[in-house]
Amino acid sequence: MPRRTEAHLAARRRQIIDAARTCFLRKGFQATSMQEVIEEAGLSVGAVYRYFSGKEEIVLAVAEDATDRVIAAFVRFAADPAAAPLLEAIDQALAYAEAETGPGGAFPLALEVWAGAARDPGLHKLMAARYAPMRATFVTLARRARDRGELAPDADVGAVGAALFALVPGWAVQHTLTGEPDRRTVVAGLRALIM
């Protein structure tokens, strides 16, 4: 039997994660069975279990994959050397979140992850670790805003960054569940608070 390449192994793993994501978006973590993931992936039972020991491990992989996308987007906002003023940067973060609130986006799945993290220690640990780099990007935005005079010179950038980061998933939850408020309203409210 020929040896499988790393690319082949990664593609199979990706196939299973994508299938599980589809199932979880359709029915949620709790209501999805391993059999449904296996059928969605189009693989044999043995093939799926070769990559994952069970549903808990797949849930962690799907959560990690989803948060990787969000972290990468937020890091891009903070890494931009010609960073936009703070309110524009927050509007960009909210625009990204808005795009991810639709079908197949990260935030409908995030609701599942957050609910699961309240009960599952492994998922809780993963999310706690993943939130640190996300929050750090908003601290970077706050530091730049303070250095440019957009915030008071003595502003606690750690506190401002934490508040700004909390705003994004908080708004995304509201938007995912109710469709409102729109992001322009949130930015206008933030502008009124900062000015």
C-alpha atoms as a PDB file:
ATOM      1  CA  MET A   1       0.000   0.000   0.000  1.00  0.00           C
ATOM      2  CA  PRO A   2       1.489   3.408  -0.972  1.00  0.00           C
ATOM      3  CA  ARG A   3       2.343   5.880   1.787  1.00  0.00           C
ATOM      4  CA  ARG A   4      -0.019   8.775   2.109  1.00  0.00           C
ATOM      5  CA  THR A   5       1.553  12.190   1.674  1.00  0.00           C
ATOM      6  CA  GLU A   6       1.242  14.963   4.244  1.00  0.00           C
ATOM      7  CA  ALA A   7      -0.899  16.841   1.721  1.00  0.00           C
ATOM      8  CA  HIS A   8      -3.249  13.863   1.433  1.00  0.00           C
ATOM      9  CA  LEU A   9      -3.536  13.563   5.221  1.00  0.00           C
ATOM     10  CA  ALA A  10      -4.193  17.291   5.576  1.00  0.00           C
ATOM     11  CA  ALA A  11      -6.827  17.170   2.821  1.00  0.00           C
ATOM     12  CA  ARG A  12      -8.671  14.293   4.518  1.00  0.00           C
ATOM     13  CA  ARG A  13      -8.600  16.083   7.847  1.00  0.00           C
ATOM     14  CA  ARG A  14      -9.887  19.238   6.156  1.00  0.00           C
ATOM     15  CA  GLN A  15     -12.653  17.197   4.499  1.00  0.00           C
ATOM     16  CA  ILE A  16     -13.821  15.910   7.892  1.00  0.00           C
ATOM     17  CA  ILE A  17     -13.647  19.348   9.541  1.00  0.00           C
ATOM     18  CA  ASP A  18     -15.638  20.914   6.688  1.00  0.00           C
ATOM     19  CA  ALA A  19     -18.253  18.160   6.878  1.00  0.00           C
ATOM     20  CA  ALA A  20     -18.554  18.546  10.641  1.00  0.00           C
ATOM     21  CA  ARG A  21     -18.854  22.326  10.300  1.00  0.00           C
ATOM     22  CA  THR A  22     -21.706  21.869   7.831  1.00  0.00           C
ATOM     23  CA  CYS A  23     -23.471  19.473  10.195  1.00  0.00           C
ATOM     24  CA  PHE A  24     -22.910  21.681  13.240  1.00  0.00           C
ATOM     25  CA  LEU A  25     -24.268  24.732  11.439  1.00  0.00           C
ATOM     26  CA  ARG A  26     -27.310  22.722  10.404  1.00  0.00           C
ATOM     27  CA  LYS A  27     -28.128  21.039  13.722  1.00  0.00           C
ATOM     28  CA  GLY A  28     -25.736  22.219  16.419  1.00  0.00           C
ATOM     29  CA  PHE A  29     -23.000  20.321  18.238  1.00  0.00           C
ATOM     30  CA  GLN A  30     -25.278  18.411  20.582  1.00  0.00           C
ATOM     31  CA  ALA A  31     -27.817  17.257  17.994  1.00  0.00           C
ATOM     32  CA  THR A  32     -25.235  16.138  15.416  1.00  0.00           C
ATOM     33  CA  SER A  33     -24.179  12.503  15.552  1.00  0.00           C
ATOM     34  CA  MET A  34     -20.865  11.067  14.444  1.00  0.00           C
ATOM     35  CA  GLN A  35     -22.753   9.086  11.818  1.00  0.00           C
ATOM     36  CA  GLU A  36     -24.027  12.340  10.288  1.00  0.00           C
ATOM     37  CA  VAL A  37     -20.493  13.755  10.161  1.00  0.00           C
ATOM     38  CA  ILE A  38     -19.226  10.543   8.560  1.00  0.00           C
ATOM     39  CA  GLU A  39     -21.985  10.602   5.944  1.00  0.00           C
ATOM     40  CA  GLU A  40     -21.449  14.301   5.198  1.00  0.00           C
ATOM     41  CA  ALA A  41     -17.719  13.679   4.769  1.00  0.00           C
ATOM     42  CA  GLY A  42     -18.386  10.773   2.408  1.00  0.00           C
ATOM     43  CA  LEU A  43     -15.789   8.638   4.147  1.00  0.00           C
ATOM     44  CA  SER A  44     -15.830   5.329   5.948  1.00  0.00           C
ATOM     45  CA  VAL A  45     -16.158   5.104   9.719  1.00  0.00           C
ATOM     46  CA  GLY A  46     -12.557   3.885   9.943  1.00  0.00           C
ATOM     47  CA  ALA A  47     -11.267   6.769   7.843  1.00  0.00           C
ATOM     48  CA  VAL A  48     -12.870   9.368  10.119  1.00  0.00           C
ATOM     49  CA  TYR A  49     -11.679   7.652  13.289  1.00  0.00           C
ATOM     50  CA  ARG A  50      -8.162   7.505  11.853  1.00  0.00           C
ATOM     51  CA  TYR A  51      -8.061  11.308  12.127  1.00  0.00           C
ATOM     52  CA  PHE A  52     -10.277  11.963  15.154  1.00  0.00           C
ATOM     53  CA  SER A  53     -10.939   9.892  18.269  1.00  0.00           C
ATOM     54  CA  GLY A  54     -14.553  11.073  18.455  1.00  0.00           C
ATOM     55  CA  LYS A  55     -16.979  13.946  18.266  1.00  0.00           C
ATOM     56  CA  GLU A  56     -15.367  15.945  21.079  1.00  0.00           C
ATOM     57  CA  GLU A  57     -12.099  16.069  19.178  1.00  0.00           C
ATOM     58  CA  ILE A  58     -13.911  17.106  16.005  1.00  0.00           C
ATOM     59  CA  VAL A  59     -15.760  19.873  17.871  1.00  0.00           C
ATOM     60  CA  LEU A  60     -12.414  21.198  19.123  1.00  0.00           C
ATOM     61  CA  ALA A  61     -10.943  21.083  15.603  1.00  0.00           C
ATOM     62  CA  VAL A  62     -13.940  22.929  14.137  1.00  0.00           C
ATOM     63  CA  ALA A  63     -13.793  25.558  16.905  1.00  0.00           C
ATOM     64  CA  GLU A  64     -10.052  25.987  16.383  1.00  0.00           C
ATOM     65  CA  ASP A  65     -10.540  26.348  12.635  1.00  0.00           C
ATOM     66  CA  ALA A  66     -13.281  28.963  13.053  1.00  0.00           C
ATOM     67  CA  THR A  67     -11.296  31.000  15.557  1.00  0.00           C
ATOM     68  CA  ASP A  68      -8.205  30.845  13.314  1.00  0.00           C
ATOM     69  CA  ARG A  69     -10.201  32.746  10.677  1.00  0.00           C
ATOM     70  CA  VAL A  70     -11.286  35.421  13.142  1.00  0.00           C
ATOM     71  CA  ILE A  71      -7.816  35.795  14.682  1.00  0.00           C
ATOM     72  CA  ALA A  72      -6.250  36.176  11.226  1.00  0.00           C
ATOM     73  CA  ALA A  73      -8.728  38.907  10.287  1.00  0.00           C
ATOM     74  CA  PHE A  74      -8.206  40.848  13.526  1.00  0.00           C
ATOM     75  CA  VAL A  75      -4.430  40.534  13.293  1.00  0.00           C
ATOM     76  CA  ARG A  76      -4.598  42.048   9.782  1.00  0.00           C
ATOM     77  CA  PHE A  77      -6.431  45.099  11.185  1.00  0.00           C
ATOM     78  CA  ALA A  78      -3.793  45.604  13.888  1.00  0.00           C
ATOM     79  CA  ALA A  79      -0.795  44.872  11.639  1.00  0.00           C
ATOM     80  CA  ASP A  80      -1.664  47.490   9.015  1.00  0.00           C
ATOM     81  CA  PRO A  81       1.156  50.072   9.232  1.00  0.00           C
ATOM     82  CA  ALA A  82      -1.153  52.734   7.799  1.00  0.00           C
ATOM     83  CA  ALA A  83      -3.833  51.862  10.340  1.00  0.00           C
ATOM     84  CA  ALA A  84      -7.074  53.731  10.027  1.00  0.00           C
ATOM     85  CA  PRO A  85      -8.317  55.984  12.815  1.00  0.00           C
ATOM     86  CA  LEU A  86      -9.836  54.020  15.697  1.00  0.00           C
ATOM     87  CA  LEU A  87     -13.486  54.371  14.692  1.00  0.00           C
ATOM     88  CA  GLU A  88     -12.706  53.350  11.101  1.00  0.00           C
ATOM     89  CA  ALA A  89     -10.755  50.335  12.372  1.00  0.00           C
ATOM     90  CA  ILE A  90     -13.702  49.317  14.571  1.00  0.00           C
ATOM     91  CA  ASP A  91     -16.034  49.776  11.604  1.00  0.00           C
ATOM     92  CA  GLN A  92     -13.739  47.469   9.584  1.00  0.00           C
ATOM     93  CA  ALA A  93     -13.799  44.876  12.379  1.00  0.00           C
ATOM     94  CA  LEU A  94     -17.593  45.108  12.523  1.00  0.00           C
ATOM     95  CA  ALA A  95     -17.816  44.834   8.717  1.00  0.00           C
ATOM     96  CA  TYR A  96     -15.790  41.625   8.930  1.00  0.00           C
ATOM     97  CA  ALA A  97     -18.042  40.367  11.732  1.00  0.00           C
ATOM     98  CA  GLU A  98     -21.117  41.331   9.716  1.00  0.00           C
ATOM     99  CA  ALA A  99     -19.911  39.263   6.764  1.00  0.00           C
ATOM    100  CA  GLU A 100     -19.341  36.342   9.145  1.00  0.00           C
ATOM    101  CA  THR A 101     -22.869  36.501  10.647  1.00  0.00           C
ATOM    102  CA  GLY A 102     -24.488  35.071   7.520  1.00  0.00           C
ATOM    103  CA  PRO A 103     -25.009  31.428   6.601  1.00  0.00           C
ATOM    104  CA  GLY A 104     -21.739  29.542   6.722  1.00  0.00           C
ATOM    105  CA  GLY A 105     -20.031  32.366   8.598  1.00  0.00           C
ATOM    106  CA  ALA A 106     -17.993  32.076  11.777  1.00  0.00           C
ATOM    107  CA  PHE A 107     -20.478  33.721  14.140  1.00  0.00           C
ATOM    108  CA  PRO A 108     -23.436  31.327  13.867  1.00  0.00           C
ATOM    109  CA  LEU A 109     -20.924  28.615  14.702  1.00  0.00           C
ATOM    110  CA  ALA A 110     -19.433  30.832  17.430  1.00  0.00           C
ATOM    111  CA  LEU A 111     -22.783  30.739  19.246  1.00  0.00           C
ATOM    112  CA  GLU A 112     -22.456  26.950  19.365  1.00  0.00           C
ATOM    113  CA  VAL A 113     -18.856  27.195  20.516  1.00  0.00           C
ATOM    114  CA  TRP A 114     -19.649  29.684  23.286  1.00  0.00           C
ATOM    115  CA  ALA A 115     -22.542  27.576  24.551  1.00  0.00           C
ATOM    116  CA  GLY A 116     -20.354  24.471  24.470  1.00  0.00           C
ATOM    117  CA  ALA A 117     -17.471  26.238  26.219  1.00  0.00           C
ATOM    118  CA  ALA A 118     -19.722  26.902  29.197  1.00  0.00           C
ATOM    119  CA  ARG A 119     -20.052  23.117  29.711  1.00  0.00           C
ATOM    120  CA  ASP A 120     -16.980  21.527  28.133  1.00  0.00           C
ATOM    121  CA  PRO A 121     -13.607  22.115  29.870  1.00  0.00           C
ATOM    122  CA  GLY A 122     -11.617  21.362  26.697  1.00  0.00           C
ATOM    123  CA  LEU A 123     -13.596  23.835  24.627  1.00  0.00           C
ATOM    124  CA  HIS A 124     -13.439  26.393  27.449  1.00  0.00           C
ATOM    125  CA  LYS A 125      -9.646  26.085  27.580  1.00  0.00           C
ATOM    126  CA  LEU A 126      -9.355  26.453  23.797  1.00  0.00           C
ATOM    127  CA  MET A 127     -11.536  29.563  23.727  1.00  0.00           C
ATOM    128  CA  ALA A 128      -9.734  31.172  26.667  1.00  0.00           C
ATOM    129  CA  ALA A 129      -6.436  30.706  24.821  1.00  0.00           C
ATOM    130  CA  ARG A 130      -7.887  31.972  21.526  1.00  0.00           C
ATOM    131  CA  TYR A 131      -9.371  35.133  23.015  1.00  0.00           C
ATOM    132  CA  ALA A 132      -6.006  36.442  24.251  1.00  0.00           C
ATOM    133  CA  PRO A 133      -4.570  37.135  20.757  1.00  0.00           C
ATOM    134  CA  MET A 134      -7.894  38.546  19.553  1.00  0.00           C
ATOM    135  CA  ARG A 135      -8.061  40.953  22.495  1.00  0.00           C
ATOM    136  CA  ALA A 136      -4.393  41.870  21.960  1.00  0.00           C
ATOM    137  CA  THR A 137      -5.160  43.177  18.473  1.00  0.00           C
ATOM    138  CA  PHE A 138      -7.685  45.607  19.947  1.00  0.00           C
ATOM    139  CA  VAL A 139      -5.165  46.708  22.579  1.00  0.00           C
ATOM    140  CA  THR A 140      -2.807  47.488  19.679  1.00  0.00           C
ATOM    141  CA  LEU A 141      -5.537  49.561  18.001  1.00  0.00           C
ATOM    142  CA  ALA A 142      -6.178  51.408  21.273  1.00  0.00           C
ATOM    143  CA  ARG A 143      -2.446  52.095  21.746  1.00  0.00           C
ATOM    144  CA  ARG A 144      -2.194  53.548  18.241  1.00  0.00           C
ATOM    145  CA  ALA A 145      -5.290  55.659  18.856  1.00  0.00           C
ATOM    146  CA  ARG A 146      -3.803  56.990  22.113  1.00  0.00           C
ATOM    147  CA  ASP A 147      -0.481  57.730  20.394  1.00  0.00           C
ATOM    148  CA  ARG A 148      -2.309  59.633  17.632  1.00  0.00           C
ATOM    149  CA  GLY A 149      -4.278  61.677  20.142  1.00  0.00           C
ATOM    150  CA  GLU A 150      -7.634  59.974  19.479  1.00  0.00           C
ATOM    151  CA  LEU A 151      -7.784  58.949  23.149  1.00  0.00           C
ATOM    152  CA  ALA A 152      -6.705  60.740  26.309  1.00  0.00           C
ATOM    153  CA  PRO A 153      -2.924  60.604  26.887  1.00  0.00           C
ATOM    154  CA  ASP A 154      -3.429  58.627  30.084  1.00  0.00           C
ATOM    155  CA  ALA A 155      -5.974  56.191  28.598  1.00  0.00           C
ATOM    156  CA  ASP A 156      -5.488  52.613  29.795  1.00  0.00           C
ATOM    157  CA  VAL A 157      -5.020  50.906  26.427  1.00  0.00           C
ATOM    158  CA  GLY A 158      -5.512  47.466  27.970  1.00  0.00           C
ATOM    159  CA  ALA A 159      -8.924  48.479  29.300  1.00  0.00           C
ATOM    160  CA  VAL A 160      -9.899  50.271  26.072  1.00  0.00           C
ATOM    161  CA  GLY A 161      -8.779  47.292  23.977  1.00  0.00           C
ATOM    162  CA  ALA A 162     -10.745  44.867  26.161  1.00  0.00           C
ATOM    163  CA  ALA A 163     -13.875  47.031  25.869  1.00  0.00           C
ATOM    164  CA  LEU A 164     -13.517  47.340  22.094  1.00  0.00           C
ATOM    165  CA  PHE A 165     -12.973  43.619  21.704  1.00  0.00           C
ATOM    166  CA  ALA A 166     -16.072  42.889  23.808  1.00  0.00           C
ATOM    167  CA  LEU A 167     -18.049  45.168  21.519  1.00  0.00           C
ATOM    168  CA  VAL A 168     -17.395  43.090  18.388  1.00  0.00           C
ATOM    169  CA  PRO A 169     -18.667  39.642  19.489  1.00  0.00           C
ATOM    170  CA  GLY A 170     -21.412  41.332  21.532  1.00  0.00           C
ATOM    171  CA  TRP A 171     -22.671  43.111  18.457  1.00  0.00           C
ATOM    172  CA  ALA A 172     -22.229  39.978  16.320  1.00  0.00           C
ATOM    173  CA  VAL A 173     -24.439  37.987  18.710  1.00  0.00           C
ATOM    174  CA  GLN A 174     -27.164  40.633  18.533  1.00  0.00           C
ATOM    175  CA  HIS A 175     -26.889  40.839  14.762  1.00  0.00           C
ATOM    176  CA  THR A 176     -26.866  37.062  14.310  1.00  0.00           C
ATOM    177  CA  LEU A 177     -29.934  36.589  16.501  1.00  0.00           C
ATOM    178  CA  THR A 178     -31.998  39.669  15.609  1.00  0.00           C
ATOM    179  CA  GLY A 179     -30.505  41.287  12.510  1.00  0.00           C
ATOM    180  CA  GLU A 180     -30.008  44.563  14.378  1.00  0.00           C
ATOM    181  CA  PRO A 181     -28.632  47.040  15.178  1.00  0.00           C
ATOM    182  CA  ASP A 182     -26.702  47.732  12.007  1.00  0.00           C
ATOM    183  CA  ARG A 183     -23.013  48.379  12.366  1.00  0.00           C
ATOM    184  CA  ARG A 184     -23.311  52.086  11.453  1.00  0.00           C
ATOM    185  CA  THR A 185     -25.517  52.562  14.518  1.00  0.00           C
ATOM    186  CA  VAL A 186     -22.909  50.907  16.728  1.00  0.00           C
ATOM    187  CA  VAL A 187     -20.086  53.032  15.298  1.00  0.00           C
ATOM    188  CA  ALA A 188     -22.199  56.182  15.770  1.00  0.00           C
ATOM    189  CA  GLY A 189     -22.827  55.206  19.387  1.00  0.00           C
ATOM    190  CA  LEU A 190     -19.131  54.534  19.926  1.00  0.00           C
ATOM    191  CA  ARG A 191     -18.261  57.885  18.353  1.00  0.00           C
ATOM    192  CA  ALA A 192     -20.621  59.616  20.798  1.00  0.00           C
ATOM    193  CA  LEU A 193     -18.967  57.837  23.734  1.00  0.00           C
ATOM    194  CA  ILE A 194     -15.395  58.648  22.647  1.00  0.00           C
ATOM    195  CA  MET A 195     -15.872  62.235  21.555  1.00  0.00           C
END
